[in-house]
Amino acid sequence: MDLLNHDLAHEFPQHLEKMRSLKSSDPHFASLFAQYDADNHAIAKYELGALGAISDEALENMKKRRLKVKDEIYQILQAK
């Protein structure tokens, strides 16, 4: 199964340098980045079956949380 790559480098390639800078200078941004990355990896592993079974509802909630964090990251990238 070929899943879409949702890491932030693929989501926001035009902001790579800004993300690198913010990860080291903005603790809130770094925390959001880490949360997004952790959720993204967990979702991918669940979708591949590597972490066992998860309910559709739980997986959907993880995806919604990932999207919320991504939206917040995008707002920060646009503002700075």
C-alpha atoms as a PDB file:
ATOM      1  CA  MET A   1       0.000   0.000   0.000  1.00  0.00           C
ATOM      2  CA  ASP A   2       1.476   3.344  -1.035  1.00  0.00           C
ATOM      3  CA  LEU A   3       0.428   6.064   1.389  1.00  0.00           C
ATOM      4  CA  LEU A   4       0.721   9.776   0.805  1.00  0.00           C
ATOM      5  CA  ASN A   5       3.706  11.346   2.483  1.00  0.00           C
ATOM      6  CA  HIS A   6       2.372  13.858   4.992  1.00  0.00           C
ATOM      7  CA  ASP A   7       5.598  14.960   6.642  1.00  0.00           C
ATOM      8  CA  LEU A   8       5.935  18.708   6.966  1.00  0.00           C
ATOM      9  CA  ALA A   9       8.776  18.923   4.447  1.00  0.00           C
ATOM     10  CA  HIS A  10       6.368  17.595   1.807  1.00  0.00           C
ATOM     11  CA  GLU A  11       3.405  19.598   3.078  1.00  0.00           C
ATOM     12  CA  PHE A  12       5.246  22.943   3.137  1.00  0.00           C
ATOM     13  CA  PRO A  13       8.355  22.668   0.922  1.00  0.00           C
ATOM     14  CA  GLN A  14       8.404  26.435   0.414  1.00  0.00           C
ATOM     15  CA  HIS A  15       8.921  26.926   4.171  1.00  0.00           C
ATOM     16  CA  LEU A  16      11.762  24.461   4.842  1.00  0.00           C
ATOM     17  CA  GLU A  17      14.285  27.063   5.963  1.00  0.00           C
ATOM     18  CA  LYS A  18      11.721  28.893   8.101  1.00  0.00           C
ATOM     19  CA  MET A  19      10.707  25.626   9.795  1.00  0.00           C
ATOM     20  CA  ARG A  20      14.351  24.790  10.579  1.00  0.00           C
ATOM     21  CA  SER A  21      14.836  28.216  12.099  1.00  0.00           C
ATOM     22  CA  LEU A  22      11.621  28.155  14.119  1.00  0.00           C
ATOM     23  CA  LYS A  23      12.322  24.663  15.485  1.00  0.00           C
ATOM     24  CA  SER A  24      15.467  26.001  17.123  1.00  0.00           C
ATOM     25  CA  SER A  25      14.219  29.458  18.131  1.00  0.00           C
ATOM     26  CA  ASP A  26      10.544  28.980  19.065  1.00  0.00           C
ATOM     27  CA  PRO A  27       9.739  26.369  21.740  1.00  0.00           C
ATOM     28  CA  HIS A  28       6.015  26.432  20.929  1.00  0.00           C
ATOM     29  CA  PHE A  29       6.684  25.811  17.243  1.00  0.00           C
ATOM     30  CA  ALA A  30       9.161  23.043  18.109  1.00  0.00           C
ATOM     31  CA  SER A  31       6.513  21.406  20.300  1.00  0.00           C
ATOM     32  CA  LEU A  32       3.900  21.584  17.553  1.00  0.00           C
ATOM     33  CA  PHE A  33       6.382  20.209  15.036  1.00  0.00           C
ATOM     34  CA  ALA A  34       7.214  17.276  17.331  1.00  0.00           C
ATOM     35  CA  GLN A  35       3.513  16.568  17.965  1.00  0.00           C
ATOM     36  CA  TYR A  36       2.729  16.608  14.253  1.00  0.00           C
ATOM     37  CA  ASP A  37       5.670  14.331  13.499  1.00  0.00           C
ATOM     38  CA  ALA A  38       4.696  11.840  16.227  1.00  0.00           C
ATOM     39  CA  ASP A  39       1.060  11.752  15.111  1.00  0.00           C
ATOM     40  CA  ASN A  40       2.043  11.429  11.465  1.00  0.00           C
ATOM     41  CA  HIS A  41       4.330   8.474  12.140  1.00  0.00           C
ATOM     42  CA  ALA A  42       1.755   6.756  14.342  1.00  0.00           C
ATOM     43  CA  ILE A  43      -0.972   7.182  11.720  1.00  0.00           C
ATOM     44  CA  ALA A  44       1.267   5.737   9.018  1.00  0.00           C
ATOM     45  CA  LYS A  45       2.167   2.751  11.207  1.00  0.00           C
ATOM     46  CA  TYR A  46      -1.479   2.069  12.051  1.00  0.00           C
ATOM     47  CA  GLU A  47      -2.445   2.299   8.388  1.00  0.00           C
ATOM     48  CA  LEU A  48       0.285  -0.205   7.527  1.00  0.00           C
ATOM     49  CA  GLY A  49      -0.760  -2.502  10.378  1.00  0.00           C
ATOM     50  CA  ALA A  50       2.603  -2.201  12.128  1.00  0.00           C
ATOM     51  CA  LEU A  51       1.097  -1.065  15.448  1.00  0.00           C
ATOM     52  CA  GLY A  52      -1.780  -3.500  15.521  1.00  0.00           C
ATOM     53  CA  ALA A  53      -5.455  -2.735  15.291  1.00  0.00           C
ATOM     54  CA  ILE A  54      -7.095   0.599  15.979  1.00  0.00           C
ATOM     55  CA  SER A  55     -10.718   1.568  15.596  1.00  0.00           C
ATOM     56  CA  ASP A  56     -11.714   3.699  12.638  1.00  0.00           C
ATOM     57  CA  GLU A  57     -12.941   6.356  15.056  1.00  0.00           C
ATOM     58  CA  ALA A  58      -9.626   6.474  16.941  1.00  0.00           C
ATOM     59  CA  LEU A  59      -7.661   6.705  13.700  1.00  0.00           C
ATOM     60  CA  GLU A  60      -9.954   9.451  12.441  1.00  0.00           C
ATOM     61  CA  ASN A  61      -9.454  11.380  15.695  1.00  0.00           C
ATOM     62  CA  MET A  62      -5.685  11.109  15.287  1.00  0.00           C
ATOM     63  CA  LYS A  63      -5.966  12.453  11.748  1.00  0.00           C
ATOM     64  CA  LYS A  64      -8.124  15.352  12.933  1.00  0.00           C
ATOM     65  CA  ARG A  65      -5.597  16.204  15.655  1.00  0.00           C
ATOM     66  CA  ARG A  66      -2.774  16.051  13.082  1.00  0.00           C
ATOM     67  CA  LEU A  67      -4.729  18.414  10.807  1.00  0.00           C
ATOM     68  CA  LYS A  68      -5.392  20.846  13.670  1.00  0.00           C
ATOM     69  CA  VAL A  69      -1.687  20.942  14.531  1.00  0.00           C
ATOM     70  CA  LYS A  70      -0.787  21.352  10.851  1.00  0.00           C
ATOM     71  CA  ASP A  71      -3.170  24.307  10.603  1.00  0.00           C
ATOM     72  CA  GLU A  72      -1.546  25.939  13.629  1.00  0.00           C
ATOM     73  CA  ILE A  73       1.915  25.351  12.162  1.00  0.00           C
ATOM     74  CA  TYR A  74       0.796  26.914   8.887  1.00  0.00           C
ATOM     75  CA  GLN A  75      -0.577  29.974  10.682  1.00  0.00           C
ATOM     76  CA  ILE A  76       2.775  30.460  12.425  1.00  0.00           C
ATOM     77  CA  LEU A  77       4.661  30.051   9.149  1.00  0.00           C
ATOM     78  CA  GLN A  78       2.460  32.651   7.485  1.00  0.00           C
ATOM     79  CA  ALA A  79       2.776  35.129  10.359  1.00  0.00           C
ATOM     80  CA  LYS A  80       6.564  35.048  10.746  1.00  0.00           C
END
